[in-house]
C-alpha cells in the first residue's frame, strides 16, 4: 500500500487531481475535487487543510510496539529517505493534535486505526480521538488490518452513494458493505477472479465514529 493523503474541496465535484501512476491503485471517485496527494509528514503538517471537507489517509496505521521505540499510535507516511525535511515519516497522535482541520470526513483507510493504546483501552482511542480533537466531525476507521483492494472499493462506494443518492454517512456505509459482500471480488492482473469479498473479514472492519448523519438528504 503506497502512503497517500488526499483531500477534497467543499464542492465535492470535479475531476480527479490524482494523476501519479503509483497511486492508481487507490482512486476515489471523480465527484471528489481531489488535490494532489500529500505523501510526506512535512507536507501534511504544513499544508492548509482547514478548508478541506474530506481528508483521506491511505496508508498503514501503527500502534505502540509495532516499531521499536514507538510509544503512541501513528500513521506511516513516506520514509525518511524520501522526506528530506528531517521528519521520521510517522504522523503520531501528538502531531495530529497539532493539525487544524474543519473536515466532515477523515477517512483512515489503514490497518488498526481504531485500536486502543493497550489491552482494555476503549475501542476508539489513539488516532481516531486525535483527529476529533484536530477538528474532524466524522471518522471512517478500521478495527483490524484491511486488504487494500476491498478497502478501496468500499471507500469509493461510500462517497459515490452519498453523491448520487444523498445518503447519510452511516446509510452509505451500510449499503457499501452490502454491495461489497454481494458483488465484490479480487481480480488478478489477467482478469481472472481470485476470490470474493463476501467474508466479513473484508467489509466488517470499517465503521463510522462521530456524526453518521453527515451528507444525508435521502434515506429512501
N, C-alpha and C. Protein backbone atom coordinates (compact mmCIF):
# COMPACT_ATOMS: atom_id res chain seq x y z
N UNK A 1 0.86 -1.18 0.00
CA UNK A 1 0.00 0.00 0.00
C UNK A 1 0.89 1.23 0.00
N UNK A 2 0.74 2.09 -1.04
CA UNK A 2 1.54 3.30 -1.15
C UNK A 2 0.94 4.39 -0.27
N UNK A 3 1.71 4.95 0.66
CA UNK A 3 1.15 6.00 1.52
C UNK A 3 0.65 7.17 0.69
N UNK A 4 -0.53 7.67 1.03
CA UNK A 4 -1.07 8.84 0.35
C UNK A 4 -2.03 9.55 1.27
N UNK A 5 -2.08 10.85 1.14
CA UNK A 5 -3.07 11.66 1.84
C UNK A 5 -3.78 12.47 0.77
N UNK A 6 -5.11 12.34 0.69
CA UNK A 6 -5.87 13.03 -0.34
C UNK A 6 -6.94 13.88 0.32
N UNK A 7 -7.27 15.00 -0.32
CA UNK A 7 -8.26 15.90 0.25
C UNK A 7 -9.25 16.32 -0.81
N UNK A 8 -10.43 16.74 -0.38
CA UNK A 8 -11.42 17.25 -1.33
C UNK A 8 -11.90 18.61 -0.89
N UNK A 9 -12.31 19.40 -1.88
CA UNK A 9 -12.82 20.75 -1.61
C UNK A 9 -14.27 20.68 -1.17
N UNK A 10 -14.82 21.78 -0.67
CA UNK A 10 -16.20 21.78 -0.23
C UNK A 10 -17.21 21.45 -1.32
N UNK A 11 -16.84 21.64 -2.61
CA UNK A 11 -17.80 21.42 -3.68
C UNK A 11 -18.12 19.94 -3.90
N UNK A 12 -17.21 19.04 -3.52
CA UNK A 12 -17.39 17.60 -3.72
C UNK A 12 -17.68 17.30 -5.19
N UNK A 13 -17.11 18.03 -6.10
CA UNK A 13 -17.40 17.78 -7.51
C UNK A 13 -16.20 18.20 -8.33
N UNK A 14 -16.05 17.58 -9.52
CA UNK A 14 -14.96 17.94 -10.40
C UNK A 14 -14.14 16.74 -10.79
N UNK A 15 -13.03 16.97 -11.45
CA UNK A 15 -12.21 15.88 -11.94
C UNK A 15 -11.13 15.54 -10.94
N UNK A 16 -10.66 14.32 -11.00
CA UNK A 16 -9.65 13.86 -10.06
C UNK A 16 -8.35 14.62 -10.26
N UNK A 17 -7.71 14.98 -9.15
CA UNK A 17 -6.42 15.64 -9.24
C UNK A 17 -5.28 14.68 -9.03
N UNK A 18 -5.59 13.39 -8.89
CA UNK A 18 -4.54 12.39 -8.67
C UNK A 18 -4.14 11.80 -10.00
N UNK A 19 -2.91 12.04 -10.41
CA UNK A 19 -2.50 11.52 -11.70
C UNK A 19 -1.15 10.83 -11.65
N UNK A 20 -0.63 10.61 -10.48
CA UNK A 20 0.64 9.91 -10.37
C UNK A 20 0.40 8.41 -10.51
N UNK A 21 1.05 7.73 -11.45
CA UNK A 21 0.79 6.31 -11.68
C UNK A 21 0.89 5.46 -10.43
N UNK A 22 1.79 5.78 -9.53
CA UNK A 22 1.98 4.92 -8.37
C UNK A 22 0.78 4.95 -7.43
N UNK A 23 -0.12 5.90 -7.62
CA UNK A 23 -1.30 5.99 -6.77
C UNK A 23 -2.55 5.45 -7.46
N UNK A 24 -2.38 4.82 -8.63
CA UNK A 24 -3.54 4.40 -9.40
C UNK A 24 -4.33 3.30 -8.72
N UNK A 25 -3.75 2.65 -7.73
CA UNK A 25 -4.46 1.59 -7.03
C UNK A 25 -5.39 2.12 -5.96
N UNK A 26 -5.41 3.44 -5.75
CA UNK A 26 -6.33 3.99 -4.75
C UNK A 26 -6.88 5.31 -5.26
N UNK A 27 -7.95 5.21 -6.07
CA UNK A 27 -8.59 6.40 -6.62
C UNK A 27 -9.99 6.53 -6.04
N UNK A 28 -10.28 7.66 -5.47
CA UNK A 28 -11.64 7.95 -5.05
C UNK A 28 -12.38 8.50 -6.26
N UNK A 29 -13.70 8.46 -6.24
CA UNK A 29 -14.48 8.84 -7.42
C UNK A 29 -14.27 10.28 -7.83
N UNK A 30 -14.57 10.55 -9.09
CA UNK A 30 -14.32 11.88 -9.64
C UNK A 30 -15.25 12.94 -9.05
N UNK A 31 -16.27 12.53 -8.28
CA UNK A 31 -17.11 13.52 -7.62
C UNK A 31 -16.33 14.28 -6.55
N UNK A 32 -15.18 13.77 -6.16
CA UNK A 32 -14.32 14.48 -5.22
C UNK A 32 -13.33 15.34 -6.01
N UNK A 33 -13.32 16.62 -5.71
CA UNK A 33 -12.36 17.51 -6.36
C UNK A 33 -11.03 17.34 -5.64
N UNK A 34 -10.36 16.22 -5.93
CA UNK A 34 -9.18 15.84 -5.18
C UNK A 34 -7.97 16.68 -5.55
N UNK A 35 -7.22 17.06 -4.54
CA UNK A 35 -5.97 17.75 -4.75
C UNK A 35 -4.85 16.71 -4.87
N UNK A 36 -3.73 17.15 -5.38
CA UNK A 36 -2.59 16.23 -5.47
C UNK A 36 -2.24 15.71 -4.09
N UNK A 37 -1.88 14.43 -4.00
CA UNK A 37 -1.67 13.82 -2.69
C UNK A 37 -0.48 14.40 -1.94
N UNK A 38 -0.61 14.43 -0.64
CA UNK A 38 0.47 14.85 0.24
C UNK A 38 1.04 13.58 0.85
N UNK A 39 2.23 13.18 0.45
CA UNK A 39 2.73 11.87 0.85
C UNK A 39 3.79 11.92 1.93
N UNK A 40 4.21 13.10 2.34
CA UNK A 40 5.23 13.18 3.37
C UNK A 40 4.66 13.79 4.64
N UNK A 41 5.28 13.46 5.75
CA UNK A 41 4.85 14.00 7.03
C UNK A 41 4.95 15.53 7.02
N UNK A 42 6.01 16.05 6.45
CA UNK A 42 6.20 17.50 6.40
C UNK A 42 5.06 18.17 5.64
N UNK A 43 4.65 17.60 4.50
CA UNK A 43 3.57 18.19 3.72
C UNK A 43 2.27 18.20 4.51
N UNK A 44 1.97 17.11 5.19
CA UNK A 44 0.72 17.03 5.95
C UNK A 44 0.71 18.07 7.07
N UNK A 45 1.82 18.21 7.75
CA UNK A 45 1.88 19.11 8.91
C UNK A 45 1.92 20.58 8.52
N UNK A 46 2.32 20.89 7.28
CA UNK A 46 2.43 22.28 6.86
C UNK A 46 1.33 22.71 5.90
N UNK A 47 0.57 21.77 5.35
CA UNK A 47 -0.50 22.12 4.41
C UNK A 47 -1.67 22.75 5.13
N UNK A 48 -2.38 23.62 4.43
CA UNK A 48 -3.60 24.21 4.97
C UNK A 48 -4.77 23.27 4.66
N UNK A 49 -5.20 22.52 5.66
CA UNK A 49 -6.28 21.57 5.49
C UNK A 49 -7.60 22.10 6.06
N UNK A 50 -7.62 23.35 6.46
CA UNK A 50 -8.79 23.88 7.16
C UNK A 50 -10.01 24.05 6.26
N UNK A 51 -9.82 24.07 4.92
CA UNK A 51 -10.96 24.21 4.02
C UNK A 51 -11.28 22.91 3.28
N UNK A 52 -10.72 21.80 3.75
CA UNK A 52 -10.96 20.51 3.11
C UNK A 52 -12.12 19.80 3.79
N UNK A 53 -13.12 19.42 3.02
CA UNK A 53 -14.28 18.72 3.57
C UNK A 53 -13.97 17.25 3.85
N UNK A 54 -13.11 16.65 3.03
CA UNK A 54 -12.75 15.24 3.20
C UNK A 54 -11.23 15.11 3.16
N UNK A 55 -10.68 14.41 4.12
CA UNK A 55 -9.25 14.12 4.14
C UNK A 55 -9.11 12.60 4.23
N UNK A 56 -8.40 12.02 3.28
CA UNK A 56 -8.26 10.56 3.20
C UNK A 56 -6.82 10.17 3.42
N UNK A 57 -6.59 9.30 4.39
CA UNK A 57 -5.27 8.73 4.62
C UNK A 57 -5.31 7.28 4.15
N UNK A 58 -4.58 6.99 3.07
CA UNK A 58 -4.49 5.62 2.56
C UNK A 58 -3.07 5.13 2.83
N UNK A 59 -2.88 4.59 3.99
CA UNK A 59 -1.55 4.17 4.40
C UNK A 59 -1.67 3.19 5.56
N UNK A 60 -0.58 2.84 6.16
CA UNK A 60 -0.60 1.90 7.28
C UNK A 60 -0.73 2.62 8.61
N UNK A 61 -1.60 2.12 9.45
CA UNK A 61 -1.72 2.61 10.81
C UNK A 61 -0.90 1.74 11.75
N UNK A 62 -0.20 2.36 12.66
CA UNK A 62 0.66 1.64 13.59
C UNK A 62 0.20 1.89 15.02
N UNK A 63 0.37 0.90 15.85
CA UNK A 63 0.04 1.04 17.27
C UNK A 63 1.32 0.84 18.07
N UNK A 64 1.34 1.28 19.33
CA UNK A 64 2.56 1.16 20.12
C UNK A 64 3.08 -0.27 20.13
N UNK A 65 4.38 -0.40 19.88
CA UNK A 65 5.01 -1.70 19.84
C UNK A 65 5.21 -2.25 18.45
N UNK A 66 4.52 -1.67 17.45
CA UNK A 66 4.72 -2.14 16.08
C UNK A 66 6.14 -1.87 15.60
N UNK A 67 6.72 -0.79 16.06
CA UNK A 67 8.10 -0.44 15.75
C UNK A 67 8.85 -0.18 17.05
N UNK A 68 10.12 -0.50 17.07
CA UNK A 68 10.93 -0.22 18.26
C UNK A 68 10.90 1.28 18.57
N UNK A 69 10.58 1.60 19.81
CA UNK A 69 10.57 2.98 20.24
C UNK A 69 9.26 3.71 19.98
N UNK A 70 8.30 3.06 19.30
CA UNK A 70 7.02 3.72 19.03
C UNK A 70 6.12 3.56 20.25
N UNK A 71 5.81 4.66 20.91
CA UNK A 71 5.02 4.60 22.14
C UNK A 71 3.65 5.25 22.03
N UNK A 72 3.24 5.59 20.81
CA UNK A 72 1.91 6.12 20.57
C UNK A 72 1.47 5.75 19.17
N UNK A 73 0.14 5.67 18.92
CA UNK A 73 -0.34 5.34 17.57
C UNK A 73 0.19 6.34 16.54
N UNK A 74 0.32 5.87 15.31
CA UNK A 74 0.85 6.74 14.26
C UNK A 74 0.39 6.24 12.89
N UNK A 75 0.42 7.14 11.91
CA UNK A 75 0.22 6.78 10.51
C UNK A 75 1.57 6.82 9.82
N UNK A 76 1.87 5.78 9.05
CA UNK A 76 3.14 5.70 8.34
C UNK A 76 3.05 6.44 7.02
N UNK A 77 3.81 7.51 6.88
CA UNK A 77 3.86 8.25 5.63
C UNK A 77 5.18 7.93 4.92
N UNK A 78 5.66 8.80 4.07
CA UNK A 78 6.88 8.50 3.32
C UNK A 78 8.07 8.29 4.24
N UNK A 79 8.94 7.38 3.87
CA UNK A 79 10.11 7.06 4.67
C UNK A 79 11.05 8.25 4.76
N UNK A 80 11.84 8.31 5.84
CA UNK A 80 12.78 9.44 6.00
C UNK A 80 13.70 9.64 4.80
N UNK A 81 14.04 8.57 4.09
CA UNK A 81 14.91 8.71 2.94
C UNK A 81 14.26 9.46 1.79
N UNK A 82 12.92 9.47 1.76
CA UNK A 82 12.18 10.19 0.72
C UNK A 82 11.85 11.60 1.18
N UNK A 83 11.47 11.73 2.42
CA UNK A 83 11.15 13.03 3.00
C UNK A 83 12.44 13.69 3.46
N UNK A 84 12.89 14.69 2.74
CA UNK A 84 14.18 15.35 3.01
C UNK A 84 14.08 16.43 4.08
N UNK A 85 12.90 16.56 4.71
CA UNK A 85 12.72 17.63 5.68
C UNK A 85 13.28 17.29 7.05
N UNK A 86 13.71 16.05 7.24
CA UNK A 86 14.24 15.64 8.53
C UNK A 86 13.21 14.97 9.42
N UNK A 87 11.96 14.84 8.97
CA UNK A 87 10.93 14.16 9.74
C UNK A 87 11.18 12.66 9.72
N UNK A 88 10.56 11.94 10.67
CA UNK A 88 10.77 10.50 10.76
C UNK A 88 9.78 9.68 9.93
N UNK A 89 8.82 10.36 9.26
CA UNK A 89 7.87 9.65 8.41
C UNK A 89 6.67 9.09 9.13
N UNK A 90 6.55 9.33 10.44
CA UNK A 90 5.43 8.84 11.23
C UNK A 90 4.61 10.02 11.74
N UNK A 91 3.34 10.06 11.37
CA UNK A 91 2.45 11.09 11.87
C UNK A 91 1.79 10.56 13.14
N UNK A 92 2.31 10.97 14.28
CA UNK A 92 1.88 10.42 15.56
C UNK A 92 0.67 11.17 16.10
N UNK A 93 0.07 10.61 17.15
CA UNK A 93 -1.08 11.23 17.79
C UNK A 93 -0.77 12.65 18.23
N UNK A 94 0.36 12.85 18.84
CA UNK A 94 0.70 14.18 19.32
C UNK A 94 0.83 15.18 18.17
N UNK A 95 1.27 14.71 17.01
CA UNK A 95 1.39 15.59 15.84
C UNK A 95 0.03 15.83 15.19
N UNK A 96 -0.84 14.82 15.19
CA UNK A 96 -2.20 15.00 14.66
C UNK A 96 -2.93 16.07 15.46
N UNK A 97 -2.71 16.09 16.77
CA UNK A 97 -3.35 17.09 17.62
C UNK A 97 -2.99 18.51 17.21
N UNK A 98 -1.87 18.67 16.54
CA UNK A 98 -1.43 19.99 16.09
C UNK A 98 -2.00 20.41 14.75
N UNK A 99 -2.72 19.51 14.06
CA UNK A 99 -3.33 19.86 12.79
C UNK A 99 -4.55 20.75 13.02
N UNK A 100 -4.91 21.54 12.01
CA UNK A 100 -6.09 22.39 12.07
C UNK A 100 -7.06 21.94 10.98
N UNK A 101 -8.05 21.15 11.38
CA UNK A 101 -9.00 20.58 10.43
C UNK A 101 -10.38 21.20 10.61
N UNK A 102 -11.15 21.14 9.54
CA UNK A 102 -12.57 21.51 9.58
C UNK A 102 -13.29 20.57 8.62
N UNK A 103 -13.08 19.27 8.82
CA UNK A 103 -13.49 18.25 7.85
C UNK A 103 -14.76 17.53 8.27
N UNK A 104 -15.67 17.34 7.32
CA UNK A 104 -16.82 16.49 7.56
C UNK A 104 -16.36 15.04 7.76
N UNK A 105 -15.38 14.64 6.96
CA UNK A 105 -14.87 13.27 7.00
C UNK A 105 -13.35 13.25 7.10
N UNK A 106 -12.84 12.40 7.96
CA UNK A 106 -11.45 11.95 7.86
C UNK A 106 -11.53 10.43 7.70
N UNK A 107 -10.99 9.96 6.58
CA UNK A 107 -11.02 8.53 6.28
C UNK A 107 -9.65 7.95 6.57
N UNK A 108 -9.61 6.98 7.48
CA UNK A 108 -8.36 6.32 7.82
C UNK A 108 -8.41 4.91 7.25
N UNK A 109 -8.12 4.81 5.95
CA UNK A 109 -8.14 3.52 5.27
C UNK A 109 -6.78 2.87 5.47
N UNK A 110 -6.60 2.34 6.65
CA UNK A 110 -5.30 1.81 7.05
C UNK A 110 -5.54 0.64 8.00
N UNK A 111 -4.48 0.11 8.54
CA UNK A 111 -4.60 -1.02 9.45
C UNK A 111 -4.72 -0.54 10.89
N UNK A 112 -5.68 -1.11 11.63
CA UNK A 112 -5.76 -0.91 13.08
C UNK A 112 -5.99 0.53 13.50
N UNK A 113 -6.67 1.36 12.68
CA UNK A 113 -6.77 2.77 13.04
C UNK A 113 -7.73 3.03 14.19
N UNK A 114 -8.51 2.06 14.60
CA UNK A 114 -9.38 2.26 15.77
C UNK A 114 -8.87 1.51 16.99
N UNK A 115 -7.71 0.92 16.90
CA UNK A 115 -7.17 0.17 18.02
C UNK A 115 -6.85 1.07 19.19
N UNK A 116 -6.98 0.52 20.39
CA UNK A 116 -6.63 1.27 21.58
C UNK A 116 -5.13 1.26 21.80
N UNK A 117 -4.71 1.92 22.86
CA UNK A 117 -3.28 2.03 23.14
C UNK A 117 -2.78 0.90 24.03
N UNK A 118 -3.64 -0.03 24.35
CA UNK A 118 -3.21 -1.17 25.16
C UNK A 118 -4.41 -2.03 25.50
N UNK A 119 -4.16 -3.18 26.12
CA UNK A 119 -5.23 -4.09 26.47
C UNK A 119 -6.23 -3.39 27.38
N UNK A 120 -7.50 -3.51 27.03
CA UNK A 120 -8.55 -2.93 27.84
C UNK A 120 -8.86 -1.48 27.53
N UNK A 121 -8.11 -0.87 26.65
CA UNK A 121 -8.40 0.52 26.28
C UNK A 121 -9.69 0.56 25.49
N UNK A 122 -10.39 1.70 25.55
CA UNK A 122 -11.62 1.81 24.78
C UNK A 122 -11.33 1.69 23.30
N UNK A 123 -12.34 1.23 22.55
CA UNK A 123 -12.12 0.90 21.14
C UNK A 123 -11.65 2.11 20.33
N UNK A 124 -12.29 3.27 20.54
CA UNK A 124 -11.91 4.44 19.76
C UNK A 124 -10.97 5.30 20.59
N UNK A 125 -9.71 5.16 20.32
CA UNK A 125 -8.70 5.94 21.02
C UNK A 125 -7.59 6.24 20.05
N UNK A 126 -6.50 6.75 20.56
CA UNK A 126 -5.34 6.95 19.71
C UNK A 126 -5.63 7.84 18.52
N UNK A 127 -5.45 7.28 17.33
CA UNK A 127 -5.57 8.05 16.10
C UNK A 127 -6.94 8.68 15.94
N UNK A 128 -7.99 7.89 16.17
CA UNK A 128 -9.33 8.41 15.98
C UNK A 128 -9.63 9.60 16.87
N UNK A 129 -9.32 9.49 18.14
CA UNK A 129 -9.57 10.58 19.08
C UNK A 129 -8.77 11.82 18.71
N UNK A 130 -7.55 11.62 18.27
CA UNK A 130 -6.70 12.76 17.91
C UNK A 130 -7.30 13.57 16.76
N UNK A 131 -7.86 12.89 15.77
CA UNK A 131 -8.46 13.60 14.64
C UNK A 131 -9.70 14.37 15.06
N UNK A 132 -10.47 13.86 16.02
CA UNK A 132 -11.60 14.62 16.54
C UNK A 132 -11.12 15.91 17.19
N UNK A 133 -10.10 15.79 18.01
CA UNK A 133 -9.56 16.98 18.66
C UNK A 133 -9.04 17.98 17.64
N UNK A 134 -8.53 17.47 16.51
CA UNK A 134 -7.96 18.36 15.49
C UNK A 134 -9.04 19.05 14.65
N UNK A 135 -10.29 18.57 14.74
CA UNK A 135 -11.36 19.26 14.01
C UNK A 135 -12.21 18.42 13.10
N UNK A 136 -12.04 17.10 13.08
CA UNK A 136 -12.88 16.24 12.26
C UNK A 136 -14.23 16.03 12.92
N UNK A 137 -15.30 15.97 12.11
CA UNK A 137 -16.63 15.73 12.65
C UNK A 137 -17.05 14.27 12.53
N UNK A 138 -16.45 13.55 11.61
CA UNK A 138 -16.79 12.15 11.42
C UNK A 138 -15.56 11.41 10.93
N UNK A 139 -15.37 10.21 11.44
CA UNK A 139 -14.23 9.38 11.04
C UNK A 139 -14.73 8.06 10.46
N UNK A 140 -14.07 7.62 9.41
CA UNK A 140 -14.25 6.26 8.93
C UNK A 140 -12.96 5.52 9.26
N UNK A 141 -13.06 4.57 10.19
CA UNK A 141 -11.88 3.90 10.70
C UNK A 141 -12.02 2.39 10.57
N UNK A 142 -10.95 1.67 10.84
CA UNK A 142 -10.95 0.22 10.73
C UNK A 142 -10.55 -0.41 12.06
N UNK A 143 -11.17 -1.54 12.37
CA UNK A 143 -10.92 -2.22 13.62
C UNK A 143 -9.84 -3.27 13.56
N UNK A 144 -9.47 -3.67 12.34
CA UNK A 144 -8.37 -4.62 12.17
C UNK A 144 -7.75 -4.41 10.81
N UNK A 145 -6.60 -5.05 10.51
CA UNK A 145 -5.93 -4.84 9.23
C UNK A 145 -6.85 -5.12 8.05
N UNK A 146 -6.77 -4.25 7.03
CA UNK A 146 -7.65 -4.36 5.87
C UNK A 146 -6.86 -4.72 4.62
N UNK A 147 -7.55 -5.36 3.70
CA UNK A 147 -6.97 -5.71 2.40
C UNK A 147 -7.15 -4.52 1.47
N UNK A 148 -6.12 -4.16 0.73
CA UNK A 148 -6.08 -2.89 0.01
C UNK A 148 -7.20 -2.74 -1.01
N UNK A 149 -7.40 -3.74 -1.86
CA UNK A 149 -8.37 -3.61 -2.94
C UNK A 149 -9.80 -3.49 -2.42
N UNK A 150 -10.16 -4.31 -1.46
CA UNK A 150 -11.51 -4.24 -0.90
C UNK A 150 -11.73 -2.92 -0.17
N UNK A 151 -10.70 -2.42 0.51
CA UNK A 151 -10.80 -1.14 1.20
C UNK A 151 -11.05 -0.02 0.20
N UNK A 152 -10.37 -0.07 -0.93
CA UNK A 152 -10.57 0.94 -1.97
C UNK A 152 -12.00 0.89 -2.50
N UNK A 153 -12.48 -0.33 -2.79
CA UNK A 153 -13.83 -0.47 -3.33
C UNK A 153 -14.89 0.03 -2.36
N UNK A 154 -14.74 -0.32 -1.08
CA UNK A 154 -15.74 0.08 -0.10
C UNK A 154 -15.72 1.58 0.12
N UNK A 155 -14.54 2.17 0.26
CA UNK A 155 -14.44 3.60 0.49
C UNK A 155 -15.00 4.38 -0.69
N UNK A 156 -14.67 3.94 -1.90
CA UNK A 156 -15.18 4.59 -3.09
C UNK A 156 -16.70 4.52 -3.14
N UNK A 157 -17.26 3.35 -2.82
CA UNK A 157 -18.71 3.16 -2.87
C UNK A 157 -19.43 4.08 -1.88
N UNK A 158 -18.85 4.30 -0.72
CA UNK A 158 -19.48 5.17 0.27
C UNK A 158 -19.70 6.57 -0.30
N UNK A 159 -18.67 7.15 -0.89
CA UNK A 159 -18.79 8.51 -1.38
C UNK A 159 -19.62 8.59 -2.65
N UNK A 160 -19.61 7.54 -3.46
CA UNK A 160 -20.49 7.52 -4.62
C UNK A 160 -21.95 7.51 -4.18
N UNK A 161 -22.26 6.73 -3.15
CA UNK A 161 -23.65 6.67 -2.66
C UNK A 161 -24.08 8.01 -2.07
N UNK A 162 -23.18 8.66 -1.38
CA UNK A 162 -23.51 9.98 -0.85
C UNK A 162 -23.74 10.99 -1.96
N UNK A 163 -22.90 10.94 -2.99
CA UNK A 163 -23.01 11.88 -4.10
C UNK A 163 -24.26 11.63 -4.92
N UNK A 164 -24.51 10.37 -5.28
CA UNK A 164 -25.57 10.06 -6.22
C UNK A 164 -26.94 9.98 -5.56
N UNK A 165 -27.00 9.50 -4.32
CA UNK A 165 -28.29 9.24 -3.68
C UNK A 165 -28.56 10.15 -2.48
N UNK A 166 -27.62 10.98 -2.10
CA UNK A 166 -27.83 11.88 -0.98
C UNK A 166 -27.98 11.18 0.35
N UNK A 167 -27.26 10.06 0.53
CA UNK A 167 -27.38 9.28 1.75
C UNK A 167 -26.53 9.87 2.87
N UNK A 168 -26.92 9.58 4.10
CA UNK A 168 -26.06 9.91 5.23
C UNK A 168 -24.84 9.01 5.21
N UNK A 169 -23.83 9.37 5.98
CA UNK A 169 -22.63 8.55 6.03
C UNK A 169 -22.90 7.14 6.50
N UNK A 170 -23.73 7.01 7.55
CA UNK A 170 -23.99 5.68 8.09
C UNK A 170 -24.77 4.80 7.11
N UNK A 171 -25.74 5.39 6.41
CA UNK A 171 -26.50 4.61 5.43
C UNK A 171 -25.65 4.27 4.22
N UNK A 172 -24.79 5.20 3.80
CA UNK A 172 -23.89 4.93 2.67
C UNK A 172 -22.94 3.80 3.02
N UNK A 173 -22.45 3.77 4.26
CA UNK A 173 -21.57 2.69 4.69
C UNK A 173 -22.32 1.36 4.69
N UNK A 174 -23.54 1.36 5.20
CA UNK A 174 -24.33 0.12 5.24
C UNK A 174 -24.51 -0.47 3.84
N UNK A 175 -24.88 0.39 2.90
CA UNK A 175 -25.12 -0.09 1.54
C UNK A 175 -23.82 -0.50 0.86
N UNK A 176 -22.74 0.22 1.14
CA UNK A 176 -21.45 -0.14 0.55
C UNK A 176 -20.98 -1.50 1.06
N UNK A 177 -21.22 -1.78 2.34
CA UNK A 177 -20.87 -3.08 2.90
C UNK A 177 -21.65 -4.20 2.19
N UNK A 178 -22.95 -3.99 2.04
CA UNK A 178 -23.78 -5.00 1.38
C UNK A 178 -23.32 -5.22 -0.06
N UNK A 179 -23.02 -4.14 -0.74
CA UNK A 179 -22.57 -4.24 -2.13
C UNK A 179 -21.26 -5.00 -2.23
N UNK A 180 -20.32 -4.70 -1.33
CA UNK A 180 -19.04 -5.39 -1.36
C UNK A 180 -19.21 -6.88 -1.06
N UNK A 181 -20.04 -7.19 -0.08
CA UNK A 181 -20.28 -8.59 0.29
C UNK A 181 -20.97 -9.36 -0.84
N UNK A 182 -21.88 -8.69 -1.54
CA UNK A 182 -22.66 -9.37 -2.57
C UNK A 182 -21.93 -9.50 -3.90
N UNK A 183 -21.18 -8.46 -4.27
CA UNK A 183 -20.61 -8.43 -5.63
C UNK A 183 -19.11 -8.19 -5.68
N UNK A 184 -18.48 -7.84 -4.57
CA UNK A 184 -17.05 -7.51 -4.59
C UNK A 184 -16.17 -8.72 -4.81
N UNK A 185 -15.17 -8.56 -5.67
CA UNK A 185 -14.23 -9.65 -5.96
C UNK A 185 -12.82 -9.08 -6.12
N UNK A 186 -11.84 -9.93 -5.87
CA UNK A 186 -10.45 -9.58 -6.15
C UNK A 186 -10.09 -10.17 -7.50
N UNK A 187 -9.67 -9.31 -8.41
CA UNK A 187 -9.37 -9.73 -9.78
C UNK A 187 -7.87 -9.72 -10.01
N UNK A 188 -7.35 -10.80 -10.57
CA UNK A 188 -5.93 -10.90 -10.89
C UNK A 188 -5.60 -10.03 -12.10
N UNK A 189 -4.33 -9.72 -12.32
CA UNK A 189 -3.95 -8.89 -13.47
C UNK A 189 -4.42 -9.44 -14.82
N UNK A 190 -4.58 -10.77 -14.90
CA UNK A 190 -5.03 -11.35 -16.18
C UNK A 190 -6.55 -11.37 -16.31
N UNK A 191 -7.25 -10.77 -15.34
CA UNK A 191 -8.69 -10.68 -15.41
C UNK A 191 -9.45 -11.78 -14.71
N UNK A 192 -8.76 -12.79 -14.23
CA UNK A 192 -9.44 -13.88 -13.53
C UNK A 192 -9.79 -13.46 -12.11
N UNK A 193 -10.93 -13.95 -11.64
CA UNK A 193 -11.36 -13.67 -10.27
C UNK A 193 -10.68 -14.64 -9.31
N UNK A 194 -9.98 -14.10 -8.33
CA UNK A 194 -9.26 -14.96 -7.38
C UNK A 194 -10.15 -15.37 -6.21
N UNK A 195 -10.92 -14.42 -5.67
CA UNK A 195 -11.82 -14.72 -4.57
C UNK A 195 -12.81 -13.57 -4.41
N UNK A 196 -13.87 -13.83 -3.67
CA UNK A 196 -14.89 -12.80 -3.44
C UNK A 196 -14.63 -12.12 -2.10
N UNK A 197 -15.33 -11.02 -1.89
CA UNK A 197 -15.21 -10.28 -0.64
C UNK A 197 -16.44 -10.50 0.26
N UNK A 198 -17.05 -11.66 0.14
CA UNK A 198 -18.25 -11.95 0.91
C UNK A 198 -17.97 -12.11 2.40
N UNK A 199 -16.76 -12.55 2.75
CA UNK A 199 -16.44 -12.79 4.16
C UNK A 199 -16.37 -11.46 4.92
N UNK A 200 -16.88 -11.43 6.17
CA UNK A 200 -16.82 -10.20 6.97
C UNK A 200 -15.42 -9.65 7.17
N UNK A 201 -14.41 -10.48 7.00
CA UNK A 201 -13.03 -10.00 7.10
C UNK A 201 -12.81 -8.77 6.25
N UNK A 202 -13.48 -8.69 5.10
CA UNK A 202 -13.24 -7.62 4.14
C UNK A 202 -14.14 -6.40 4.36
N UNK A 203 -15.39 -6.58 4.77
CA UNK A 203 -16.30 -5.44 4.84
C UNK A 203 -16.65 -5.02 6.27
N UNK A 204 -16.40 -5.88 7.25
CA UNK A 204 -16.82 -5.56 8.62
C UNK A 204 -15.90 -4.61 9.38
N UNK A 205 -14.61 -4.51 9.06
CA UNK A 205 -13.74 -3.68 9.92
C UNK A 205 -14.03 -2.19 9.85
N UNK A 206 -14.72 -1.72 8.82
CA UNK A 206 -14.97 -0.29 8.68
C UNK A 206 -16.19 0.14 9.48
N UNK A 207 -16.05 1.22 10.22
CA UNK A 207 -17.20 1.79 10.91
C UNK A 207 -16.99 3.28 11.09
N UNK A 208 -18.12 3.96 11.29
CA UNK A 208 -18.12 5.42 11.41
C UNK A 208 -18.15 5.81 12.88
N UNK A 209 -17.35 6.78 13.22
CA UNK A 209 -17.34 7.34 14.55
C UNK A 209 -17.64 8.83 14.41
N UNK A 210 -18.57 9.32 15.22
CA UNK A 210 -18.92 10.72 15.14
C UNK A 210 -20.28 10.92 14.52
N UNK A 211 -20.41 11.94 13.66
CA UNK A 211 -21.68 12.30 13.06
C UNK A 211 -21.96 11.44 11.84
N UNK A 212 -22.68 10.34 12.03
CA UNK A 212 -23.01 9.45 10.92
C UNK A 212 -24.06 10.01 10.00
N UNK A 213 -24.68 11.14 10.36
CA UNK A 213 -25.71 11.73 9.52
C UNK A 213 -25.18 12.69 8.49
N UNK A 214 -23.87 12.92 8.48
CA UNK A 214 -23.28 13.89 7.55
C UNK A 214 -23.59 13.51 6.11
N UNK A 215 -24.05 14.48 5.34
CA UNK A 215 -24.30 14.28 3.93
C UNK A 215 -25.68 13.75 3.61
N UNK A 216 -26.48 13.39 4.60
CA UNK A 216 -27.75 12.75 4.34
C UNK A 216 -28.82 13.70 3.86
N UNK A 217 -29.47 13.33 2.75
CA UNK A 217 -30.63 14.08 2.25
C UNK A 217 -31.77 13.14 1.90
N UNK A 218 -31.45 11.89 1.58
CA UNK A 218 -32.48 10.97 1.11
C UNK A 218 -32.14 9.56 1.58
N UNK A 219 -32.93 9.05 2.50
CA UNK A 219 -32.67 7.73 3.06
C UNK A 219 -33.58 6.67 2.49
N UNK A 220 -34.34 6.99 1.45
CA UNK A 220 -35.28 6.03 0.88
C UNK A 220 -34.63 5.17 -0.15
